[in-house]
Amino acid sequence: MEVAVLYSGGKDSNYALYWALKQGFDVKYLVNVESENKESYMFHIPNVHLTELSSKAVEIPLVKLYTKGEKEKEVEDLKKGLKKLDVEGIITGAVASVYQKSRIDKICEELGLKSFSPLWHKDPEWILRTVSELFDVRIVGVYAYGLGKEWLGKRIDKNNIDELLRICEKYGIHKAFEGGEAETFVFDAPMFKKRIEVVEAEIEWHETWGVYHIKKAKLVDKE
């Protein structure tokens, strides 16, 4: 089946891509939606410009769509973009947001496409542990009390995942960050032919929230 993956560069969309390839689907496109609205209901914001490197790393074409990010109108913008693609299905990294999944499912139904969400209602701790083992996944945004500046730019791995999960438990943070408590980006994965290396980055911090801005990055050969 020829499919497109809705792709932000974060942990969930990379798992969706990983799953699709494991299923034997022909992933023709990665679809990234860039929103002008930093409070977008539908789309990931931090470092989305790096999806161009992700696309080259996996050797799958990137389709960029743009939206002002107005509630519901951004859904129509996504539909218009997907309508132009010659695919049979759409794959997403939706975990628990009924708002997001119901709208994507509706778009697919209207366009005659199949909709797949391999992480839907999976255990959040299982998701975080699985992606940390599969990918080089790092935190690029924190927006919840309990997650401090020290987590920005940090890779989630076996050395800190238990501590991170304890923080989530203590402060009531969704363990897969489904409530937008944190954002992630994947720099290497089994399906990447090359990995993404950060050349220049800076941290923006505002007392209770912050973003790890990647100013410059490049693809490098895997060791």
N, C-alpha and C. Protein backbone atom coordinates (compact mmCIF):
# COMPACT_ATOMS: atom_id res chain seq x y z
N MET A 1 0.83 -1.19 0.00
CA MET A 1 0.00 0.00 0.00
C MET A 1 0.88 1.25 0.00
N GLU A 2 0.53 2.21 -0.83
CA GLU A 2 1.26 3.47 -0.88
C GLU A 2 0.66 4.43 0.13
N VAL A 3 1.51 4.97 1.01
CA VAL A 3 1.01 5.80 2.11
C VAL A 3 1.87 7.05 2.27
N ALA A 4 1.34 7.99 3.06
CA ALA A 4 2.08 9.16 3.50
C ALA A 4 2.04 9.17 5.02
N VAL A 5 3.12 9.63 5.63
CA VAL A 5 3.19 9.72 7.09
C VAL A 5 3.16 11.19 7.49
N LEU A 6 2.23 11.55 8.37
CA LEU A 6 2.23 12.90 8.93
C LEU A 6 3.43 12.99 9.85
N TYR A 7 4.33 13.92 9.56
CA TYR A 7 5.66 13.87 10.14
C TYR A 7 6.10 15.21 10.70
N SER A 8 6.42 15.21 12.01
CA SER A 8 6.89 16.43 12.66
C SER A 8 8.38 16.36 13.00
N GLY A 9 8.93 15.15 12.94
CA GLY A 9 10.31 14.95 13.36
C GLY A 9 10.41 14.48 14.80
N GLY A 10 9.29 14.49 15.52
CA GLY A 10 9.27 14.06 16.92
C GLY A 10 9.19 12.55 17.07
N LYS A 11 9.14 12.11 18.32
CA LYS A 11 9.19 10.68 18.62
C LYS A 11 8.00 9.90 18.06
N ASP A 12 6.79 10.47 18.17
CA ASP A 12 5.60 9.72 17.77
C ASP A 12 5.50 9.56 16.25
N SER A 13 5.79 10.63 15.51
CA SER A 13 5.72 10.51 14.04
C SER A 13 6.85 9.63 13.52
N ASN A 14 7.99 9.62 14.20
CA ASN A 14 9.06 8.72 13.77
C ASN A 14 8.70 7.28 14.07
N TYR A 15 8.02 7.04 15.18
CA TYR A 15 7.57 5.67 15.44
C TYR A 15 6.55 5.25 14.37
N ALA A 16 5.66 6.17 13.99
CA ALA A 16 4.67 5.86 12.94
C ALA A 16 5.37 5.49 11.64
N LEU A 17 6.43 6.23 11.30
CA LEU A 17 7.20 5.93 10.09
C LEU A 17 7.90 4.58 10.23
N TYR A 18 8.53 4.36 11.37
CA TYR A 18 9.22 3.08 11.63
C TYR A 18 8.24 1.91 11.49
N TRP A 19 7.06 2.06 12.09
CA TRP A 19 6.04 1.02 12.03
C TRP A 19 5.58 0.76 10.60
N ALA A 20 5.35 1.84 9.85
CA ALA A 20 4.88 1.71 8.46
C ALA A 20 5.88 0.92 7.61
N LEU A 21 7.15 1.24 7.77
CA LEU A 21 8.18 0.54 7.00
C LEU A 21 8.27 -0.92 7.42
N LYS A 22 8.11 -1.19 8.73
CA LYS A 22 8.12 -2.56 9.23
C LYS A 22 6.94 -3.37 8.67
N GLN A 23 5.82 -2.68 8.44
CA GLN A 23 4.64 -3.34 7.89
C GLN A 23 4.77 -3.62 6.40
N GLY A 24 5.80 -3.06 5.79
CA GLY A 24 6.00 -3.25 4.36
C GLY A 24 5.26 -2.25 3.50
N PHE A 25 4.74 -1.18 4.10
CA PHE A 25 4.08 -0.14 3.32
C PHE A 25 5.11 0.62 2.48
N ASP A 26 4.68 1.11 1.35
CA ASP A 26 5.50 1.96 0.49
C ASP A 26 5.24 3.41 0.92
N VAL A 27 6.15 3.94 1.75
CA VAL A 27 5.97 5.32 2.23
C VAL A 27 6.47 6.27 1.15
N LYS A 28 5.53 6.91 0.47
CA LYS A 28 5.89 7.79 -0.64
C LYS A 28 6.26 9.19 -0.19
N TYR A 29 5.64 9.64 0.91
CA TYR A 29 5.88 11.01 1.35
C TYR A 29 5.89 11.12 2.88
N LEU A 30 6.68 12.06 3.37
CA LEU A 30 6.54 12.57 4.72
C LEU A 30 5.82 13.91 4.57
N VAL A 31 4.78 14.11 5.34
CA VAL A 31 4.00 15.35 5.24
C VAL A 31 4.17 16.16 6.51
N ASN A 32 4.75 17.34 6.37
CA ASN A 32 4.94 18.22 7.52
C ASN A 32 4.09 19.47 7.35
N VAL A 33 3.38 19.81 8.40
CA VAL A 33 2.55 21.03 8.37
C VAL A 33 3.21 22.08 9.26
N GLU A 34 3.54 23.20 8.68
CA GLU A 34 4.15 24.29 9.43
C GLU A 34 3.08 25.32 9.75
N SER A 35 2.88 25.54 11.04
CA SER A 35 1.84 26.46 11.49
C SER A 35 2.43 27.77 11.97
N GLU A 36 1.78 28.87 11.63
CA GLU A 36 2.20 30.18 12.12
C GLU A 36 1.82 30.36 13.59
N ASN A 37 0.87 29.55 14.04
CA ASN A 37 0.35 29.67 15.40
C ASN A 37 1.15 28.78 16.36
N LYS A 38 1.88 29.38 17.28
CA LYS A 38 2.68 28.61 18.23
C LYS A 38 1.82 27.80 19.19
N GLU A 39 0.53 28.11 19.25
CA GLU A 39 -0.39 27.38 20.12
C GLU A 39 -1.29 26.45 19.30
N SER A 40 -0.79 25.98 18.17
CA SER A 40 -1.57 25.13 17.28
C SER A 40 -2.18 23.94 18.00
N TYR A 41 -3.45 23.67 17.71
CA TYR A 41 -4.15 22.52 18.29
C TYR A 41 -3.70 21.21 17.65
N MET A 42 -3.19 21.29 16.43
CA MET A 42 -2.95 20.08 15.64
C MET A 42 -1.48 19.74 15.43
N PHE A 43 -0.60 20.76 15.38
CA PHE A 43 0.72 20.51 14.82
C PHE A 43 1.87 20.93 15.73
N HIS A 44 2.93 20.10 15.69
CA HIS A 44 4.18 20.30 16.44
C HIS A 44 4.91 21.53 15.89
N ILE A 45 5.52 22.32 16.78
CA ILE A 45 6.16 23.55 16.33
C ILE A 45 7.69 23.56 16.39
N PRO A 46 8.33 23.27 17.55
CA PRO A 46 9.78 23.48 17.65
C PRO A 46 10.61 22.71 16.63
N ASN A 47 11.50 23.43 15.96
CA ASN A 47 12.50 22.85 15.05
C ASN A 47 11.92 22.08 13.87
N VAL A 48 10.71 22.44 13.43
CA VAL A 48 10.14 21.70 12.30
C VAL A 48 10.95 21.88 11.02
N HIS A 49 11.77 22.93 10.96
CA HIS A 49 12.62 23.14 9.78
C HIS A 49 13.60 21.98 9.58
N LEU A 50 13.89 21.26 10.66
CA LEU A 50 14.84 20.14 10.56
C LEU A 50 14.24 18.92 9.87
N THR A 51 12.93 18.93 9.63
CA THR A 51 12.33 17.79 8.93
C THR A 51 12.90 17.65 7.52
N GLU A 52 13.46 18.72 6.98
CA GLU A 52 14.09 18.62 5.67
C GLU A 52 15.32 17.71 5.74
N LEU A 53 16.06 17.79 6.84
CA LEU A 53 17.19 16.88 7.04
C LEU A 53 16.70 15.46 7.33
N SER A 54 15.62 15.35 8.08
CA SER A 54 15.05 14.02 8.37
C SER A 54 14.65 13.34 7.07
N SER A 55 14.04 14.10 6.17
CA SER A 55 13.61 13.57 4.88
C SER A 55 14.79 13.02 4.09
N LYS A 56 15.88 13.78 4.09
CA LYS A 56 17.08 13.32 3.39
C LYS A 56 17.70 12.10 4.08
N ALA A 57 17.61 12.08 5.40
CA ALA A 57 18.18 10.97 6.15
C ALA A 57 17.47 9.66 5.86
N VAL A 58 16.15 9.71 5.66
CA VAL A 58 15.40 8.47 5.38
C VAL A 58 15.17 8.25 3.88
N GLU A 59 15.57 9.27 3.10
CA GLU A 59 15.44 9.21 1.64
C GLU A 59 14.00 9.03 1.19
N ILE A 60 13.12 9.80 1.84
CA ILE A 60 11.70 9.85 1.46
C ILE A 60 11.34 11.33 1.27
N PRO A 61 10.70 11.68 0.15
CA PRO A 61 10.39 13.09 -0.13
C PRO A 61 9.53 13.73 0.96
N LEU A 62 9.82 14.99 1.25
CA LEU A 62 9.07 15.76 2.23
C LEU A 62 8.09 16.68 1.51
N VAL A 63 6.84 16.62 1.92
CA VAL A 63 5.82 17.55 1.41
C VAL A 63 5.54 18.55 2.52
N LYS A 64 5.80 19.82 2.24
CA LYS A 64 5.58 20.87 3.23
C LYS A 64 4.23 21.54 2.97
N LEU A 65 3.42 21.60 4.01
CA LEU A 65 2.15 22.32 3.94
C LEU A 65 2.22 23.47 4.95
N TYR A 66 1.48 24.52 4.67
CA TYR A 66 1.52 25.70 5.54
C TYR A 66 0.12 26.10 5.96
N THR A 67 0.01 26.57 7.20
CA THR A 67 -1.28 27.01 7.72
C THR A 67 -1.06 28.16 8.69
N LYS A 68 -2.05 29.01 8.80
CA LYS A 68 -2.00 30.09 9.79
C LYS A 68 -2.24 29.54 11.19
N GLY A 69 -2.78 28.31 11.25
CA GLY A 69 -2.98 27.66 12.54
C GLY A 69 -4.27 28.05 13.24
N GLU A 70 -5.24 28.55 12.48
CA GLU A 70 -6.52 28.89 13.08
C GLU A 70 -7.32 27.61 13.32
N LYS A 71 -7.92 27.52 14.50
CA LYS A 71 -8.64 26.32 14.88
C LYS A 71 -9.66 25.93 13.81
N GLU A 72 -9.69 24.66 13.44
CA GLU A 72 -10.53 24.05 12.41
C GLU A 72 -10.07 24.41 11.00
N LYS A 73 -9.68 25.66 10.75
CA LYS A 73 -9.21 26.03 9.41
C LYS A 73 -7.91 25.29 9.09
N GLU A 74 -7.09 25.02 10.13
CA GLU A 74 -5.85 24.30 9.89
C GLU A 74 -6.13 22.86 9.46
N VAL A 75 -7.27 22.34 9.87
CA VAL A 75 -7.68 20.99 9.45
C VAL A 75 -8.00 20.99 7.96
N GLU A 76 -8.68 22.04 7.51
CA GLU A 76 -8.99 22.17 6.09
C GLU A 76 -7.72 22.34 5.26
N ASP A 77 -6.75 23.06 5.80
CA ASP A 77 -5.47 23.23 5.10
C ASP A 77 -4.77 21.88 4.93
N LEU A 78 -4.85 21.05 5.97
CA LEU A 78 -4.26 19.71 5.87
C LEU A 78 -4.99 18.89 4.82
N LYS A 79 -6.31 18.96 4.82
CA LYS A 79 -7.10 18.19 3.85
C LYS A 79 -6.75 18.58 2.42
N LYS A 80 -6.63 19.88 2.17
CA LYS A 80 -6.29 20.34 0.82
C LYS A 80 -4.95 19.79 0.37
N GLY A 81 -4.00 19.74 1.31
CA GLY A 81 -2.68 19.22 0.97
C GLY A 81 -2.69 17.72 0.71
N LEU A 82 -3.39 16.98 1.55
CA LEU A 82 -3.44 15.52 1.39
C LEU A 82 -4.18 15.11 0.13
N LYS A 83 -5.15 15.92 -0.27
CA LYS A 83 -5.95 15.61 -1.45
C LYS A 83 -5.10 15.52 -2.71
N LYS A 84 -3.98 16.23 -2.71
CA LYS A 84 -3.12 16.28 -3.90
C LYS A 84 -2.17 15.08 -4.01
N LEU A 85 -2.09 14.29 -2.95
CA LEU A 85 -1.13 13.19 -2.93
C LEU A 85 -1.71 11.90 -3.50
N ASP A 86 -0.90 11.20 -4.27
CA ASP A 86 -1.34 9.94 -4.88
C ASP A 86 -1.01 8.78 -3.94
N VAL A 87 -1.76 8.69 -2.84
CA VAL A 87 -1.55 7.63 -1.86
C VAL A 87 -2.89 6.98 -1.50
N GLU A 88 -2.79 5.83 -0.81
CA GLU A 88 -4.00 5.11 -0.42
C GLU A 88 -4.28 5.22 1.08
N GLY A 89 -3.28 5.67 1.83
CA GLY A 89 -3.47 5.74 3.27
C GLY A 89 -2.60 6.80 3.92
N ILE A 90 -3.00 7.19 5.13
CA ILE A 90 -2.27 8.17 5.93
C ILE A 90 -1.94 7.54 7.28
N ILE A 91 -0.71 7.74 7.73
CA ILE A 91 -0.27 7.19 9.00
C ILE A 91 0.13 8.31 9.93
N THR A 92 -0.35 8.26 11.17
CA THR A 92 -0.06 9.32 12.13
C THR A 92 0.50 8.74 13.42
N GLY A 93 1.10 9.62 14.21
CA GLY A 93 1.62 9.23 15.51
C GLY A 93 0.68 9.56 16.64
N ALA A 94 -0.61 9.69 16.35
CA ALA A 94 -1.59 10.04 17.38
C ALA A 94 -1.55 9.03 18.53
N VAL A 95 -1.58 9.56 19.77
CA VAL A 95 -1.50 8.71 20.95
C VAL A 95 -2.82 8.70 21.73
N ALA A 96 -3.31 9.88 22.08
CA ALA A 96 -4.52 9.92 22.91
C ALA A 96 -5.43 11.11 22.60
N SER A 97 -5.00 12.00 21.72
CA SER A 97 -5.81 13.18 21.43
C SER A 97 -6.96 12.84 20.48
N VAL A 98 -8.15 12.76 21.05
CA VAL A 98 -9.34 12.50 20.24
C VAL A 98 -9.55 13.65 19.27
N TYR A 99 -9.23 14.86 19.72
CA TYR A 99 -9.37 16.04 18.86
C TYR A 99 -8.59 15.85 17.56
N GLN A 100 -7.32 15.47 17.69
CA GLN A 100 -6.49 15.30 16.50
C GLN A 100 -6.92 14.09 15.67
N LYS A 101 -7.05 12.94 16.32
CA LYS A 101 -7.32 11.72 15.57
C LYS A 101 -8.68 11.76 14.87
N SER A 102 -9.70 12.30 15.53
CA SER A 102 -11.04 12.34 14.92
C SER A 102 -11.03 13.19 13.66
N ARG A 103 -10.26 14.26 13.69
CA ARG A 103 -10.21 15.14 12.52
C ARG A 103 -9.42 14.52 11.37
N ILE A 104 -8.34 13.83 11.70
CA ILE A 104 -7.57 13.15 10.66
C ILE A 104 -8.38 12.00 10.07
N ASP A 105 -9.06 11.25 10.93
CA ASP A 105 -9.91 10.15 10.44
C ASP A 105 -11.01 10.67 9.52
N LYS A 106 -11.57 11.82 9.87
CA LYS A 106 -12.63 12.40 9.04
C LYS A 106 -12.09 12.83 7.69
N ILE A 107 -10.90 13.44 7.69
CA ILE A 107 -10.27 13.82 6.42
C ILE A 107 -10.06 12.59 5.55
N CYS A 108 -9.53 11.53 6.15
CA CYS A 108 -9.27 10.31 5.38
C CYS A 108 -10.56 9.71 4.82
N GLU A 109 -11.61 9.73 5.64
CA GLU A 109 -12.90 9.20 5.18
C GLU A 109 -13.41 10.01 3.99
N GLU A 110 -13.29 11.32 4.08
CA GLU A 110 -13.79 12.18 3.00
C GLU A 110 -12.97 12.03 1.72
N LEU A 111 -11.67 11.70 1.89
CA LEU A 111 -10.80 11.56 0.71
C LEU A 111 -10.66 10.12 0.24
N GLY A 112 -11.34 9.20 0.93
CA GLY A 112 -11.27 7.80 0.54
C GLY A 112 -9.94 7.15 0.87
N LEU A 113 -9.31 7.60 1.95
CA LEU A 113 -8.01 7.07 2.36
C LEU A 113 -8.15 6.24 3.63
N LYS A 114 -7.27 5.26 3.79
CA LYS A 114 -7.24 4.51 5.04
C LYS A 114 -6.41 5.29 6.06
N SER A 115 -6.79 5.20 7.33
CA SER A 115 -6.10 5.92 8.39
C SER A 115 -5.50 4.92 9.38
N PHE A 116 -4.21 5.10 9.69
CA PHE A 116 -3.52 4.21 10.62
C PHE A 116 -2.86 5.04 11.72
N SER A 117 -3.02 4.62 12.96
CA SER A 117 -2.38 5.28 14.10
C SER A 117 -1.84 4.19 15.03
N PRO A 118 -0.62 3.72 14.76
CA PRO A 118 -0.09 2.56 15.50
C PRO A 118 0.13 2.79 16.99
N LEU A 119 0.19 4.04 17.45
CA LEU A 119 0.41 4.31 18.87
C LEU A 119 -0.89 4.62 19.62
N TRP A 120 -2.01 4.55 18.92
CA TRP A 120 -3.28 4.97 19.52
C TRP A 120 -3.60 4.15 20.77
N HIS A 121 -3.74 4.85 21.90
CA HIS A 121 -4.08 4.28 23.20
C HIS A 121 -3.07 3.25 23.72
N LYS A 122 -1.84 3.31 23.20
CA LYS A 122 -0.78 2.48 23.77
C LYS A 122 -0.38 3.08 25.13
N ASP A 123 0.17 2.24 26.01
CA ASP A 123 0.60 2.69 27.32
C ASP A 123 1.68 3.76 27.18
N PRO A 124 1.50 4.95 27.79
CA PRO A 124 2.45 6.05 27.63
C PRO A 124 3.87 5.71 28.06
N GLU A 125 4.01 4.97 29.15
CA GLU A 125 5.36 4.59 29.59
C GLU A 125 6.01 3.66 28.58
N TRP A 126 5.23 2.74 28.02
CA TRP A 126 5.76 1.84 26.98
C TRP A 126 6.23 2.66 25.79
N ILE A 127 5.46 3.68 25.41
CA ILE A 127 5.85 4.52 24.27
C ILE A 127 7.18 5.19 24.53
N LEU A 128 7.30 5.84 25.71
CA LEU A 128 8.53 6.58 26.00
C LEU A 128 9.74 5.65 26.07
N ARG A 129 9.57 4.50 26.71
CA ARG A 129 10.69 3.55 26.80
C ARG A 129 11.05 3.00 25.42
N THR A 130 10.05 2.69 24.62
CA THR A 130 10.30 2.11 23.29
C THR A 130 11.04 3.09 22.38
N VAL A 131 10.55 4.33 22.32
CA VAL A 131 11.21 5.29 21.42
C VAL A 131 12.61 5.65 21.91
N SER A 132 12.81 5.63 23.24
CA SER A 132 14.14 5.94 23.76
C SER A 132 15.14 4.85 23.42
N GLU A 133 14.66 3.62 23.29
CA GLU A 133 15.53 2.50 22.92
C GLU A 133 15.78 2.44 21.41
N LEU A 134 14.77 2.83 20.64
CA LEU A 134 14.89 2.76 19.18
C LEU A 134 15.64 3.94 18.58
N PHE A 135 15.41 5.14 19.14
CA PHE A 135 15.87 6.38 18.51
C PHE A 135 16.83 7.18 19.38
N ASP A 136 17.55 8.08 18.73
CA ASP A 136 18.23 9.16 19.43
C ASP A 136 17.20 10.29 19.51
N VAL A 137 16.44 10.29 20.59
CA VAL A 137 15.34 11.25 20.74
C VAL A 137 15.69 12.21 21.87
N ARG A 138 15.56 13.50 21.59
CA ARG A 138 15.94 14.53 22.56
C ARG A 138 14.78 15.48 22.82
N ILE A 139 14.77 16.05 24.00
CA ILE A 139 13.73 17.00 24.38
C ILE A 139 14.10 18.38 23.84
N VAL A 140 13.20 18.97 23.05
CA VAL A 140 13.48 20.28 22.45
C VAL A 140 12.52 21.37 22.94
N GLY A 141 11.58 20.99 23.79
CA GLY A 141 10.69 21.98 24.38
C GLY A 141 10.11 21.45 25.68
N VAL A 142 10.06 22.28 26.72
CA VAL A 142 9.41 21.87 27.97
C VAL A 142 8.40 22.95 28.37
N TYR A 143 7.21 22.51 28.78
CA TYR A 143 6.11 23.43 29.05
C TYR A 143 5.31 23.02 30.28
N ALA A 144 5.94 22.28 31.18
CA ALA A 144 5.22 21.80 32.37
C ALA A 144 6.08 21.97 33.61
N TYR A 145 5.43 22.33 34.71
CA TYR A 145 6.13 22.45 35.99
C TYR A 145 6.71 21.08 36.35
N GLY A 146 7.97 21.07 36.71
CA GLY A 146 8.66 19.82 37.01
C GLY A 146 9.72 19.50 35.98
N LEU A 147 9.53 19.99 34.76
CA LEU A 147 10.53 19.82 33.71
C LEU A 147 11.29 21.13 33.57
N GLY A 148 12.56 21.12 33.97
CA GLY A 148 13.34 22.34 33.98
C GLY A 148 14.24 22.51 32.77
N LYS A 149 14.99 23.59 32.80
CA LYS A 149 15.90 23.96 31.73
C LYS A 149 16.92 22.87 31.44
N GLU A 150 17.26 22.09 32.49
CA GLU A 150 18.30 21.07 32.34
C GLU A 150 17.90 19.95 31.35
N TRP A 151 16.62 19.84 31.05
CA TRP A 151 16.17 18.79 30.12
C TRP A 151 16.27 19.22 28.66
N LEU A 152 16.40 20.50 28.40
CA LEU A 152 16.43 20.97 27.02
C LEU A 152 17.68 20.52 26.29
N GLY A 153 17.48 19.86 25.16
CA GLY A 153 18.58 19.33 24.37
C GLY A 153 19.08 17.98 24.84
N LYS A 154 18.50 17.46 25.92
CA LYS A 154 18.98 16.20 26.49
C LYS A 154 18.36 14.98 25.79
N ARG A 155 19.19 14.00 25.50
CA ARG A 155 18.69 12.75 24.93
C ARG A 155 18.02 11.92 26.02
N ILE A 156 16.89 11.32 25.68
CA ILE A 156 16.22 10.41 26.61
C ILE A 156 16.82 9.02 26.40
N ASP A 157 17.46 8.49 27.45
CA ASP A 157 18.11 7.18 27.31
C ASP A 157 18.02 6.41 28.62
N LYS A 158 18.68 5.27 28.67
CA LYS A 158 18.60 4.39 29.84
C LYS A 158 19.15 5.05 31.11
N ASN A 159 19.98 6.07 30.94
CA ASN A 159 20.59 6.73 32.10
C ASN A 159 19.66 7.71 32.81
N ASN A 160 18.63 8.19 32.09
CA ASN A 160 17.76 9.21 32.71
C ASN A 160 16.26 8.94 32.59
N ILE A 161 15.89 7.88 31.88
CA ILE A 161 14.46 7.68 31.64
C ILE A 161 13.69 7.39 32.92
N ASP A 162 14.29 6.67 33.85
CA ASP A 162 13.59 6.40 35.11
C ASP A 162 13.36 7.69 35.90
N GLU A 163 14.36 8.56 35.89
CA GLU A 163 14.22 9.86 36.55
C GLU A 163 13.12 10.68 35.87
N LEU A 164 13.10 10.67 34.55
CA LEU A 164 12.09 11.42 33.81
C LEU A 164 10.69 10.89 34.11
N LEU A 165 10.54 9.58 34.18
CA LEU A 165 9.24 8.99 34.49
C LEU A 165 8.81 9.30 35.93
N ARG A 166 9.77 9.37 36.84
CA ARG A 166 9.45 9.75 38.23
C ARG A 166 8.93 11.19 38.29
N ILE A 167 9.55 12.06 37.51
CA ILE A 167 9.09 13.45 37.45
C ILE A 167 7.67 13.51 36.90
N CYS A 168 7.41 12.73 35.86
CA CYS A 168 6.06 12.69 35.28
C CYS A 168 5.04 12.24 36.32
N GLU A 169 5.39 11.21 37.08
CA GLU A 169 4.50 10.70 38.14
C GLU A 169 4.25 11.78 39.19
N LYS A 170 5.31 12.40 39.64
CA LYS A 170 5.23 13.38 40.73
C LYS A 170 4.39 14.60 40.36
N TYR A 171 4.54 15.08 39.12
CA TYR A 171 3.88 16.32 38.74
C TYR A 171 2.66 16.12 37.83
N GLY A 172 2.26 14.87 37.65
CA GLY A 172 1.07 14.61 36.85
C GLY A 172 1.26 14.89 35.37
N ILE A 173 2.46 14.68 34.88
CA ILE A 173 2.77 14.91 33.47
C ILE A 173 2.51 13.63 32.68
N HIS A 174 1.85 13.75 31.54
CA HIS A 174 1.61 12.58 30.69
C HIS A 174 2.95 11.99 30.28
N LYS A 175 3.12 10.68 30.46
CA LYS A 175 4.43 10.05 30.24
C LYS A 175 4.88 10.03 28.79
N ALA A 176 3.95 10.27 27.87
CA ALA A 176 4.33 10.40 26.47
C ALA A 176 4.19 11.84 26.00
N PHE A 177 4.00 12.76 26.96
CA PHE A 177 3.88 14.20 26.70
C PHE A 177 2.71 14.54 25.78
N GLU A 178 1.64 13.76 25.88
CA GLU A 178 0.51 13.95 24.98
C GLU A 178 -0.21 15.26 25.24
N GLY A 179 -0.05 15.79 26.44
CA GLY A 179 -0.71 17.06 26.75
C GLY A 179 0.11 18.27 26.35
N GLY A 180 1.17 18.06 25.59
CA GLY A 180 2.02 19.16 25.17
C GLY A 180 2.99 19.61 26.24
N GLU A 181 3.21 18.76 27.26
CA GLU A 181 4.11 19.11 28.36
C GLU A 181 5.57 19.22 27.90
N ALA A 182 5.89 18.50 26.82
CA ALA A 182 7.24 18.56 26.25
C ALA A 182 7.15 18.21 24.77
N GLU A 183 8.17 18.65 24.02
CA GLU A 183 8.27 18.30 22.61
C GLU A 183 9.62 17.63 22.40
N THR A 184 9.65 16.71 21.43
CA THR A 184 10.88 15.97 21.16
C THR A 184 11.26 16.07 19.68
N PHE A 185 12.50 15.73 19.40
CA PHE A 185 12.95 15.60 18.01
C PHE A 185 13.89 14.41 17.93
N VAL A 186 13.82 13.68 16.83
CA VAL A 186 14.63 12.47 16.64
C VAL A 186 15.79 12.78 15.70
N PHE A 187 17.01 12.47 16.16
CA PHE A 187 18.22 12.77 15.41
C PHE A 187 18.83 11.54 14.73
N ASP A 188 18.41 10.38 15.16
CA ASP A 188 18.86 9.15 14.51
C ASP A 188 17.85 8.05 14.82
N ALA A 189 17.72 7.12 13.89
CA ALA A 189 16.75 6.03 14.01
C ALA A 189 17.17 4.90 13.07
N PRO A 190 16.65 3.69 13.27
CA PRO A 190 17.04 2.57 12.42
C PRO A 190 16.80 2.82 10.93
N MET A 191 15.77 3.61 10.59
CA MET A 191 15.45 3.85 9.18
C MET A 191 16.23 5.02 8.58
N PHE A 192 17.03 5.71 9.41
CA PHE A 192 17.86 6.81 8.91
C PHE A 192 19.11 6.24 8.24
N LYS A 193 19.40 6.71 7.04
CA LYS A 193 20.64 6.30 6.37
C LYS A 193 21.83 7.10 6.91
N LYS A 194 21.56 8.32 7.38
CA LYS A 194 22.55 9.16 8.04
C LYS A 194 21.88 9.73 9.29
N ARG A 195 22.70 10.24 10.21
CA ARG A 195 22.13 10.84 11.40
C ARG A 195 22.25 12.36 11.34
N ILE A 196 21.43 13.03 12.13
CA ILE A 196 21.45 14.49 12.18
C ILE A 196 22.36 14.92 13.34
N GLU A 197 23.29 15.79 13.03
CA GLU A 197 24.21 16.29 14.05
C GLU A 197 23.98 17.79 14.26
N VAL A 198 23.85 18.18 15.51
CA VAL A 198 23.64 19.60 15.82
C VAL A 198 24.98 20.33 15.73
N VAL A 199 24.99 21.42 14.98
CA VAL A 199 26.19 22.24 14.83
C VAL A 199 26.11 23.47 15.74
N GLU A 200 24.93 24.05 15.80
CA GLU A 200 24.75 25.25 16.62
C GLU A 200 23.34 25.26 17.20
N ALA A 201 23.24 25.52 18.49
CA ALA A 201 21.93 25.55 19.14
C ALA A 201 21.96 26.54 20.30
N GLU A 202 20.78 27.00 20.69
CA GLU A 202 20.69 27.88 21.85
C GLU A 202 19.41 27.57 22.62
N ILE A 203 19.46 27.84 23.90
CA ILE A 203 18.31 27.60 24.76
C ILE A 203 17.58 28.90 25.06
N GLU A 204 16.29 28.89 24.83
CA GLU A 204 15.43 30.02 25.21
C GLU A 204 14.67 29.59 26.47
N TRP A 205 14.82 30.35 27.55
CA TRP A 205 14.20 29.94 28.81
C TRP A 205 13.39 31.08 29.43
N HIS A 206 12.19 30.75 29.90
CA HIS A 206 11.28 31.75 30.46
C HIS A 206 10.72 31.30 31.80
N GLU A 207 11.59 31.01 32.75
CA GLU A 207 11.22 30.67 34.13
C GLU A 207 10.50 29.33 34.28
N THR A 208 9.43 29.11 33.51
CA THR A 208 8.67 27.87 33.64
C THR A 208 8.60 27.06 32.35
N TRP A 209 9.10 27.63 31.26
CA TRP A 209 9.07 26.90 30.00
C TRP A 209 10.26 27.33 29.14
N GLY A 210 10.58 26.48 28.16
CA GLY A 210 11.70 26.83 27.30
C GLY A 210 11.77 25.98 26.05
N VAL A 211 12.62 26.42 25.12
CA VAL A 211 12.78 25.74 23.83
C VAL A 211 14.27 25.61 23.52
N TYR A 212 14.63 24.47 22.99
CA TYR A 212 15.98 24.22 22.49
C TYR A 212 15.96 24.50 21.00
N HIS A 213 16.44 25.66 20.61
CA HIS A 213 16.42 26.07 19.20
C HIS A 213 17.68 25.58 18.50
N ILE A 214 17.50 24.80 17.47
CA ILE A 214 18.63 24.32 16.69
C ILE A 214 18.83 25.28 15.52
N LYS A 215 19.91 26.02 15.58
CA LYS A 215 20.19 27.04 14.57
C LYS A 215 20.82 26.45 13.32
N LYS A 216 21.64 25.43 13.53
CA LYS A 216 22.34 24.83 12.40
C LYS A 216 22.56 23.35 12.68
N ALA A 217 22.33 22.52 11.67
CA ALA A 217 22.54 21.08 11.80
C ALA A 217 22.95 20.51 10.45
N LYS A 218 23.49 19.31 10.46
CA LYS A 218 23.92 18.68 9.21
C LYS A 218 23.76 17.17 9.31
N LEU A 219 23.76 16.53 8.16
CA LEU A 219 23.74 15.06 8.12
C LEU A 219 25.17 14.55 8.12
N VAL A 220 25.39 13.50 8.91
CA VAL A 220 26.72 12.89 8.95
C VAL A 220 26.56 11.37 8.84
N ASP A 221 27.62 10.73 8.40
CA ASP A 221 27.59 9.27 8.29
C ASP A 221 27.47 8.63 9.66
N LYS A 222 26.80 7.49 9.73
CA LYS A 222 26.71 6.76 10.98
C LYS A 222 28.04 6.04 11.24
N GLU A 223 28.35 5.92 12.51
CA GLU A 223 29.60 5.26 12.87
C GLU A 223 29.45 3.74 12.79
